[in-house]
Amino acid sequence: MKLSVIIITRNEAVNMRACLESVRFADEIIVVDSESTDETAAICREMGVQVFERPFDGFGQQKNAGIDRATGQWILNVDADERVPETLRAEIRSVIALDHAADGYRVARRNYVGDIWIRHGGWYPDYTVRLFRRARGRFGERTVHEAVEVNGQVATLREALEHRTCRDFEEFARRQDRYAKLAAAEMAKRGRRATALDLWFRPSYTFLRSYLLRGGFLDGANGWKLACIYMRYTRSKYQCLRTVQR
């Protein structure tokens, strides 16, 4: 069964070679690039990968554009800062060859900040659907926090992706600040309004959920840092939403 990998990018030159090397086992690799100003597209073409330029209008929309370009019966969605280890490659090859394969598969992620594997606080196993039949899967067209909607049976793979999310906690915090604005715009588009409860209670609850309920404290100081970043993200998201309302 033919496998197509789709990757969306924007200024990912630092990640592209390692990412593309890890998915060379696929029959087809498609990159949908959001008008990068670095060497992202050049690196992809140098490595023999199809690149399609498309202005960014949402993560779900970009990924669906990749699906529309794909020709494989199966789609594997990978981000530029992710790597597919050999154990996962072998499992994917085995699964898509099955006559009784499911229509989609959840994949765990080992999320890293720098070289630190964050094991708690909701960071592992962090299951998301990444492998699915092209005819059965489509991304919800959200600006951020997009997810695959599979029409059919969904199962779970044993092996995990590696996610090199950022170089350090400061970079992760800056990324979350950007996502807060995108999330606020998405909520506003859907008619959501920020309440006093959202502004004052939700940030504290986010911290407690990450640090205590999801065991972030087991990661020590790193768990504390991440819980604080998520608390700030939540506060910023609802503050941005309140600004949009006004």
C-alpha atoms as a PDB file:
ATOM      1  CA  MET A   1       0.000   0.000   0.000  1.00  0.00           C
ATOM      2  CA  LYS A   2       1.444   3.359  -1.001  1.00  0.00           C
ATOM      3  CA  LEU A   3       2.307   5.756   1.866  1.00  0.00           C
ATOM      4  CA  SER A   4       2.402   9.545   1.509  1.00  0.00           C
ATOM      5  CA  VAL A   5       4.004  11.754   4.157  1.00  0.00           C
ATOM      6  CA  ILE A   6       2.745  15.324   4.466  1.00  0.00           C
ATOM      7  CA  ILE A   7       4.691  18.067   6.255  1.00  0.00           C
ATOM      8  CA  ILE A   8       3.720  21.722   6.600  1.00  0.00           C
ATOM      9  CA  THR A   9       6.519  24.256   7.036  1.00  0.00           C
ATOM     10  CA  ARG A  10       7.404  27.861   7.680  1.00  0.00           C
ATOM     11  CA  ASN A  11      11.113  28.709   8.121  1.00  0.00           C
ATOM     12  CA  GLU A  12      12.091  25.206   9.249  1.00  0.00           C
ATOM     13  CA  ALA A  13      15.520  25.004   7.602  1.00  0.00           C
ATOM     14  CA  VAL A  14      17.161  23.995  10.887  1.00  0.00           C
ATOM     15  CA  ASN A  15      14.898  20.927  11.142  1.00  0.00           C
ATOM     16  CA  MET A  16      14.293  19.811   7.577  1.00  0.00           C
ATOM     17  CA  ARG A  17      17.204  17.485   6.855  1.00  0.00           C
ATOM     18  CA  ALA A  18      16.756  15.374   9.983  1.00  0.00           C
ATOM     19  CA  CYS A  19      12.987  15.240   9.528  1.00  0.00           C
ATOM     20  CA  LEU A  20      13.153  14.259   5.852  1.00  0.00           C
ATOM     21  CA  GLU A  21      15.823  11.613   6.471  1.00  0.00           C
ATOM     22  CA  SER A  22      13.528   9.979   9.023  1.00  0.00           C
ATOM     23  CA  VAL A  23      10.635   9.624   6.530  1.00  0.00           C
ATOM     24  CA  ARG A  24      12.563   8.478   3.461  1.00  0.00           C
ATOM     25  CA  PHE A  25      10.915   5.047   3.840  1.00  0.00           C
ATOM     26  CA  ALA A  26       7.656   6.534   2.477  1.00  0.00           C
ATOM     27  CA  ASP A  27       6.682   6.287  -1.182  1.00  0.00           C
ATOM     28  CA  GLU A  28       5.971  10.013  -1.417  1.00  0.00           C
ATOM     29  CA  ILE A  29       6.867  13.096   0.648  1.00  0.00           C
ATOM     30  CA  ILE A  30       4.895  16.306   0.191  1.00  0.00           C
ATOM     31  CA  VAL A  31       5.842  19.601   1.836  1.00  0.00           C
ATOM     32  CA  VAL A  32       3.331  22.455   1.958  1.00  0.00           C
ATOM     33  CA  ASP A  33       5.391  25.569   2.666  1.00  0.00           C
ATOM     34  CA  SER A  34       3.953  28.828   3.994  1.00  0.00           C
ATOM     35  CA  GLU A  35       6.213  31.216   2.064  1.00  0.00           C
ATOM     36  CA  SER A  36       9.385  30.533   4.040  1.00  0.00           C
ATOM     37  CA  THR A  37      12.086  33.194   3.891  1.00  0.00           C
ATOM     38  CA  ASP A  38      14.921  30.808   4.818  1.00  0.00           C
ATOM     39  CA  GLU A  39      16.309  27.752   2.996  1.00  0.00           C
ATOM     40  CA  THR A  40      13.420  25.414   3.842  1.00  0.00           C
ATOM     41  CA  ALA A  41      12.121  24.976   0.291  1.00  0.00           C
ATOM     42  CA  ALA A  42      15.625  24.746  -1.205  1.00  0.00           C
ATOM     43  CA  ILE A  43      16.624  21.964   1.209  1.00  0.00           C
ATOM     44  CA  CYS A  44      13.463  20.024   0.399  1.00  0.00           C
ATOM     45  CA  ARG A  45      14.018  20.262  -3.350  1.00  0.00           C
ATOM     46  CA  GLU A  46      17.672  19.343  -2.935  1.00  0.00           C
ATOM     47  CA  MET A  47      16.526  16.161  -1.182  1.00  0.00           C
ATOM     48  CA  GLY A  48      14.076  15.329  -3.976  1.00  0.00           C
ATOM     49  CA  VAL A  49      10.904  16.280  -2.125  1.00  0.00           C
ATOM     50  CA  GLN A  50       7.809  17.872  -3.676  1.00  0.00           C
ATOM     51  CA  VAL A  51       7.268  21.420  -2.361  1.00  0.00           C
ATOM     52  CA  PHE A  52       4.072  23.413  -2.800  1.00  0.00           C
ATOM     53  CA  GLU A  53       3.972  27.072  -1.776  1.00  0.00           C
ATOM     54  CA  ARG A  54       0.763  28.233  -0.129  1.00  0.00           C
ATOM     55  CA  PRO A  55      -0.039  31.309   1.984  1.00  0.00           C
ATOM     56  CA  PHE A  56      -0.840  30.282   5.552  1.00  0.00           C
ATOM     57  CA  ASP A  57      -4.530  30.387   6.438  1.00  0.00           C
ATOM     58  CA  GLY A  58      -4.621  27.839   9.239  1.00  0.00           C
ATOM     59  CA  PHE A  59      -2.856  24.638  10.292  1.00  0.00           C
ATOM     60  CA  GLY A  60      -5.782  22.422   9.326  1.00  0.00           C
ATOM     61  CA  GLN A  61      -6.136  24.102   5.957  1.00  0.00           C
ATOM     62  CA  GLN A  62      -2.418  23.676   5.188  1.00  0.00           C
ATOM     63  CA  LYS A  63      -2.490  19.982   6.070  1.00  0.00           C
ATOM     64  CA  ASN A  64      -5.620  19.357   4.009  1.00  0.00           C
ATOM     65  CA  ALA A  65      -3.837  20.977   1.060  1.00  0.00           C
ATOM     66  CA  GLY A  66      -1.127  18.347   1.521  1.00  0.00           C
ATOM     67  CA  ILE A  67      -3.706  15.558   1.584  1.00  0.00           C
ATOM     68  CA  ASP A  68      -5.205  16.909  -1.637  1.00  0.00           C
ATOM     69  CA  ARG A  69      -1.795  16.659  -3.312  1.00  0.00           C
ATOM     70  CA  ALA A  70      -1.078  13.154  -2.044  1.00  0.00           C
ATOM     71  CA  THR A  71      -1.517  10.030  -4.152  1.00  0.00           C
ATOM     72  CA  GLY A  72      -0.940   7.332  -1.526  1.00  0.00           C
ATOM     73  CA  GLN A  73      -3.676   5.218   0.016  1.00  0.00           C
ATOM     74  CA  TRP A  74      -2.227   6.058   3.441  1.00  0.00           C
ATOM     75  CA  ILE A  75      -1.222   9.426   4.910  1.00  0.00           C
ATOM     76  CA  LEU A  76       1.389   9.963   7.617  1.00  0.00           C
ATOM     77  CA  ASN A  77       1.318  13.503   9.010  1.00  0.00           C
ATOM     78  CA  VAL A  78       4.635  14.646  10.498  1.00  0.00           C
ATOM     79  CA  ASP A  79       5.751  18.079  11.689  1.00  0.00           C
ATOM     80  CA  ALA A  80       9.137  19.459  10.708  1.00  0.00           C
ATOM     81  CA  ASP A  81      10.420  19.228  14.280  1.00  0.00           C
ATOM     82  CA  GLU A  82       9.471  15.547  14.551  1.00  0.00           C
ATOM     83  CA  ARG A  83      11.455  12.409  13.737  1.00  0.00           C
ATOM     84  CA  VAL A  84      10.218   8.902  12.888  1.00  0.00           C
ATOM     85  CA  PRO A  85      12.505   6.375  14.632  1.00  0.00           C
ATOM     86  CA  GLU A  86      13.305   3.064  12.964  1.00  0.00           C
ATOM     87  CA  THR A  87      11.053   1.134  15.353  1.00  0.00           C
ATOM     88  CA  LEU A  88       8.067   3.283  14.360  1.00  0.00           C
ATOM     89  CA  ARG A  89       8.936   3.023  10.667  1.00  0.00           C
ATOM     90  CA  ALA A  90       8.874  -0.769  10.919  1.00  0.00           C
ATOM     91  CA  GLU A  91       5.535  -0.745  12.721  1.00  0.00           C
ATOM     92  CA  ILE A  92       3.975   1.600  10.144  1.00  0.00           C
ATOM     93  CA  ARG A  93       5.158  -0.563   7.258  1.00  0.00           C
ATOM     94  CA  SER A  94       3.739  -3.629   8.982  1.00  0.00           C
ATOM     95  CA  VAL A  95       0.369  -2.041   9.813  1.00  0.00           C
ATOM     96  CA  ILE A  96      -0.447  -0.640   6.378  1.00  0.00           C
ATOM     97  CA  ALA A  97       0.279  -4.037   4.829  1.00  0.00           C
ATOM     98  CA  LEU A  98      -2.459  -5.698   6.904  1.00  0.00           C
ATOM     99  CA  ASP A  99      -5.702  -6.733   5.209  1.00  0.00           C
ATOM    100  CA  HIS A 100      -7.606  -5.892   8.398  1.00  0.00           C
ATOM    101  CA  ALA A 101      -5.892  -2.596   9.227  1.00  0.00           C
ATOM    102  CA  ALA A 102      -7.888   0.112  11.024  1.00  0.00           C
ATOM    103  CA  ASP A 103      -8.762   3.356   9.231  1.00  0.00           C
ATOM    104  CA  GLY A 104      -6.551   5.513  11.444  1.00  0.00           C
ATOM    105  CA  TYR A 105      -3.875   5.134  14.112  1.00  0.00           C
ATOM    106  CA  ARG A 106      -2.952   7.168  17.160  1.00  0.00           C
ATOM    107  CA  VAL A 107       0.749   7.664  17.729  1.00  0.00           C
ATOM    108  CA  ALA A 108       2.429   8.613  21.007  1.00  0.00           C
ATOM    109  CA  ARG A 109       5.029  11.389  21.073  1.00  0.00           C
ATOM    110  CA  ARG A 110       8.188  11.682  23.142  1.00  0.00           C
ATOM    111  CA  ASN A 111       8.393  15.451  23.541  1.00  0.00           C
ATOM    112  CA  TYR A 112      11.766  17.084  24.160  1.00  0.00           C
ATOM    113  CA  VAL A 113      12.852  20.557  25.230  1.00  0.00           C
ATOM    114  CA  GLY A 114      16.421  20.646  24.026  1.00  0.00           C
ATOM    115  CA  ASP A 115      17.716  17.190  24.940  1.00  0.00           C
ATOM    116  CA  ILE A 116      15.351  16.811  27.911  1.00  0.00           C
ATOM    117  CA  TRP A 117      12.557  14.269  27.488  1.00  0.00           C
ATOM    118  CA  ILE A 118       9.552  15.626  29.384  1.00  0.00           C
ATOM    119  CA  ARG A 119       7.748  12.555  30.715  1.00  0.00           C
ATOM    120  CA  HIS A 120       4.922  14.058  32.788  1.00  0.00           C
ATOM    121  CA  GLY A 121       2.536  17.008  32.921  1.00  0.00           C
ATOM    122  CA  GLY A 122       0.555  15.672  29.967  1.00  0.00           C
ATOM    123  CA  TRP A 123       3.614  15.570  27.707  1.00  0.00           C
ATOM    124  CA  TYR A 124       3.756  11.795  27.371  1.00  0.00           C
ATOM    125  CA  PRO A 125       2.321   9.723  25.766  1.00  0.00           C
ATOM    126  CA  ASP A 126       0.469  12.662  24.119  1.00  0.00           C
ATOM    127  CA  TYR A 127      -1.439  10.496  21.623  1.00  0.00           C
ATOM    128  CA  THR A 128      -2.596  12.032  18.341  1.00  0.00           C
ATOM    129  CA  VAL A 129      -3.904  10.465  15.127  1.00  0.00           C
ATOM    130  CA  ARG A 130      -1.079  10.681  12.593  1.00  0.00           C
ATOM    131  CA  LEU A 131      -1.523   7.685  10.296  1.00  0.00           C
ATOM    132  CA  PHE A 132      -4.787   7.242   8.382  1.00  0.00           C
ATOM    133  CA  ARG A 133      -6.325   6.139   5.136  1.00  0.00           C
ATOM    134  CA  ARG A 134      -6.448   9.086   2.737  1.00  0.00           C
ATOM    135  CA  ALA A 135     -10.057   8.330   1.814  1.00  0.00           C
ATOM    136  CA  ARG A 136     -11.120   8.259   5.483  1.00  0.00           C
ATOM    137  CA  GLY A 137      -9.292  11.181   7.118  1.00  0.00           C
ATOM    138  CA  ARG A 138      -9.460  14.958   7.005  1.00  0.00           C
ATOM    139  CA  PHE A 139      -8.269  17.736   9.301  1.00  0.00           C
ATOM    140  CA  GLY A 140     -10.751  20.048  10.942  1.00  0.00           C
ATOM    141  CA  GLU A 141     -10.054  23.444   9.406  1.00  0.00           C
ATOM    142  CA  ARG A 142      -9.027  25.273  12.562  1.00  0.00           C
ATOM    143  CA  THR A 143      -6.417  28.016  12.743  1.00  0.00           C
ATOM    144  CA  VAL A 144      -4.613  26.165  15.556  1.00  0.00           C
ATOM    145  CA  HIS A 145      -4.956  22.867  17.515  1.00  0.00           C
ATOM    146  CA  GLU A 146      -6.135  21.048  14.407  1.00  0.00           C
ATOM    147  CA  ALA A 147      -6.913  17.324  14.582  1.00  0.00           C
ATOM    148  CA  VAL A 148      -7.624  14.540  12.118  1.00  0.00           C
ATOM    149  CA  GLU A 149     -11.239  13.455  11.866  1.00  0.00           C
ATOM    150  CA  VAL A 150     -11.294   9.791  10.836  1.00  0.00           C
ATOM    151  CA  ASN A 151     -14.417   8.226   9.378  1.00  0.00           C
ATOM    152  CA  GLY A 152     -13.935   4.709  10.671  1.00  0.00           C
ATOM    153  CA  GLN A 153     -12.061   2.615  13.212  1.00  0.00           C
ATOM    154  CA  VAL A 154      -9.101   4.168  15.052  1.00  0.00           C
ATOM    155  CA  ALA A 155      -6.438   2.033  16.765  1.00  0.00           C
ATOM    156  CA  THR A 156      -3.168   2.797  18.565  1.00  0.00           C
ATOM    157  CA  LEU A 157       0.425   2.071  17.562  1.00  0.00           C
ATOM    158  CA  ARG A 158       2.975   0.857  20.119  1.00  0.00           C
ATOM    159  CA  GLU A 159       5.966   2.931  19.013  1.00  0.00           C
ATOM    160  CA  ALA A 160       6.369   6.714  19.404  1.00  0.00           C
ATOM    161  CA  LEU A 161       7.388   9.737  17.379  1.00  0.00           C
ATOM    162  CA  GLU A 162      10.212  11.924  18.636  1.00  0.00           C
ATOM    163  CA  HIS A 163       9.201  15.580  18.917  1.00  0.00           C
ATOM    164  CA  ARG A 164      12.072  18.070  19.221  1.00  0.00           C
ATOM    165  CA  THR A 165       9.701  20.838  20.185  1.00  0.00           C
ATOM    166  CA  CYS A 166      12.210  23.651  20.836  1.00  0.00           C
ATOM    167  CA  ARG A 167      15.774  24.411  21.908  1.00  0.00           C
ATOM    168  CA  ASP A 168      14.946  25.686  25.386  1.00  0.00           C
ATOM    169  CA  PHE A 169      12.095  26.791  27.645  1.00  0.00           C
ATOM    170  CA  GLU A 170      12.364  30.423  26.536  1.00  0.00           C
ATOM    171  CA  GLU A 171      11.735  29.444  22.919  1.00  0.00           C
ATOM    172  CA  PHE A 172       8.807  27.281  24.006  1.00  0.00           C
ATOM    173  CA  ALA A 173       7.308  30.225  25.925  1.00  0.00           C
ATOM    174  CA  ARG A 174       7.593  32.487  22.866  1.00  0.00           C
ATOM    175  CA  ARG A 175       5.888  29.851  20.730  1.00  0.00           C
ATOM    176  CA  GLN A 176       3.036  29.568  23.224  1.00  0.00           C
ATOM    177  CA  ASP A 177       2.580  33.348  23.094  1.00  0.00           C
ATOM    178  CA  ARG A 178       2.021  33.083  19.335  1.00  0.00           C
ATOM    179  CA  TYR A 179      -0.380  30.176  19.768  1.00  0.00           C
ATOM    180  CA  ALA A 180      -2.357  32.140  22.363  1.00  0.00           C
ATOM    181  CA  LYS A 181      -3.174  34.808  19.774  1.00  0.00           C
ATOM    182  CA  LEU A 182      -4.135  32.207  17.162  1.00  0.00           C
ATOM    183  CA  ALA A 183      -6.295  30.316  19.667  1.00  0.00           C
ATOM    184  CA  ALA A 184      -8.048  33.533  20.709  1.00  0.00           C
ATOM    185  CA  ALA A 185      -8.806  34.357  17.066  1.00  0.00           C
ATOM    186  CA  GLU A 186     -10.191  30.840  16.549  1.00  0.00           C
ATOM    187  CA  MET A 187     -12.429  31.110  19.628  1.00  0.00           C
ATOM    188  CA  ALA A 188     -13.684  34.524  18.540  1.00  0.00           C
ATOM    189  CA  LYS A 189     -14.510  33.146  15.104  1.00  0.00           C
ATOM    190  CA  ARG A 190     -16.617  30.464  16.778  1.00  0.00           C
ATOM    191  CA  GLY A 191     -18.479  32.975  18.928  1.00  0.00           C
ATOM    192  CA  ARG A 192     -16.691  32.205  22.216  1.00  0.00           C
ATOM    193  CA  ARG A 193     -16.514  35.053  24.742  1.00  0.00           C
ATOM    194  CA  ALA A 194     -14.073  35.548  27.622  1.00  0.00           C
ATOM    195  CA  THR A 195     -15.664  35.680  31.059  1.00  0.00           C
ATOM    196  CA  ALA A 196     -14.269  36.736  34.430  1.00  0.00           C
ATOM    197  CA  LEU A 197     -14.006  33.019  35.251  1.00  0.00           C
ATOM    198  CA  ASP A 198     -11.827  32.474  32.196  1.00  0.00           C
ATOM    199  CA  LEU A 199      -9.536  35.370  33.066  1.00  0.00           C
ATOM    200  CA  TRP A 200      -9.070  34.640  36.770  1.00  0.00           C
ATOM    201  CA  PHE A 201      -9.764  30.965  37.389  1.00  0.00           C
ATOM    202  CA  ARG A 202      -8.635  29.145  34.257  1.00  0.00           C
ATOM    203  CA  PRO A 203      -4.940  30.189  34.392  1.00  0.00           C
ATOM    204  CA  SER A 204      -4.603  28.885  37.967  1.00  0.00           C
ATOM    205  CA  TYR A 205      -6.445  25.684  37.103  1.00  0.00           C
ATOM    206  CA  THR A 206      -4.155  25.188  34.091  1.00  0.00           C
ATOM    207  CA  PHE A 207      -1.118  25.402  36.385  1.00  0.00           C
ATOM    208  CA  LEU A 208      -2.589  22.948  38.896  1.00  0.00           C
ATOM    209  CA  ARG A 209      -3.622  20.504  36.197  1.00  0.00           C
ATOM    210  CA  SER A 210      -0.166  20.469  34.597  1.00  0.00           C
ATOM    211  CA  TYR A 211       1.916  20.479  37.776  1.00  0.00           C
ATOM    212  CA  LEU A 212      -0.194  18.383  40.166  1.00  0.00           C
ATOM    213  CA  LEU A 213      -2.989  16.479  38.416  1.00  0.00           C
ATOM    214  CA  ARG A 214      -0.823  15.392  35.483  1.00  0.00           C
ATOM    215  CA  GLY A 215       2.294  14.816  37.565  1.00  0.00           C
ATOM    216  CA  GLY A 216       4.451  17.647  36.228  1.00  0.00           C
ATOM    217  CA  PHE A 217       6.124  17.861  39.653  1.00  0.00           C
ATOM    218  CA  LEU A 218       7.816  14.522  38.844  1.00  0.00           C
ATOM    219  CA  ASP A 219       9.906  16.409  36.261  1.00  0.00           C
ATOM    220  CA  GLY A 220      11.222  18.696  39.009  1.00  0.00           C
ATOM    221  CA  ALA A 221      12.136  22.253  38.052  1.00  0.00           C
ATOM    222  CA  ASN A 222      11.323  21.558  34.411  1.00  0.00           C
ATOM    223  CA  GLY A 223       7.771  20.584  35.323  1.00  0.00           C
ATOM    224  CA  TRP A 224       7.393  23.828  37.296  1.00  0.00           C
ATOM    225  CA  LYS A 225       8.645  25.904  34.346  1.00  0.00           C
ATOM    226  CA  LEU A 226       6.232  24.254  31.940  1.00  0.00           C
ATOM    227  CA  ALA A 227       3.263  24.650  34.287  1.00  0.00           C
ATOM    228  CA  CYS A 228       4.072  28.372  34.571  1.00  0.00           C
ATOM    229  CA  ILE A 229       4.318  28.696  30.794  1.00  0.00           C
ATOM    230  CA  TYR A 230       0.946  26.994  30.322  1.00  0.00           C
ATOM    231  CA  MET A 231      -0.605  29.248  32.962  1.00  0.00           C
ATOM    232  CA  ARG A 232       0.705  32.293  31.102  1.00  0.00           C
ATOM    233  CA  TYR A 233      -0.545  30.876  27.802  1.00  0.00           C
ATOM    234  CA  THR A 234      -4.059  30.423  29.176  1.00  0.00           C
ATOM    235  CA  ARG A 235      -4.149  33.929  30.651  1.00  0.00           C
ATOM    236  CA  SER A 236      -2.828  35.455  27.420  1.00  0.00           C
ATOM    237  CA  LYS A 237      -5.339  33.511  25.299  1.00  0.00           C
ATOM    238  CA  TYR A 238      -8.339  34.849  27.208  1.00  0.00           C
ATOM    239  CA  GLN A 239      -6.886  38.352  27.455  1.00  0.00           C
ATOM    240  CA  CYS A 240      -6.495  38.352  23.678  1.00  0.00           C
ATOM    241  CA  LEU A 241     -10.055  37.092  23.315  1.00  0.00           C
ATOM    242  CA  ARG A 242     -11.308  39.873  25.578  1.00  0.00           C
ATOM    243  CA  THR A 243      -9.433  42.409  23.422  1.00  0.00           C
ATOM    244  CA  VAL A 244     -11.057  41.023  20.276  1.00  0.00           C
ATOM    245  CA  GLN A 245     -14.467  41.326  21.922  1.00  0.00           C
ATOM    246  CA  ARG A 246     -13.865  44.966  22.665  1.00  0.00           C
END
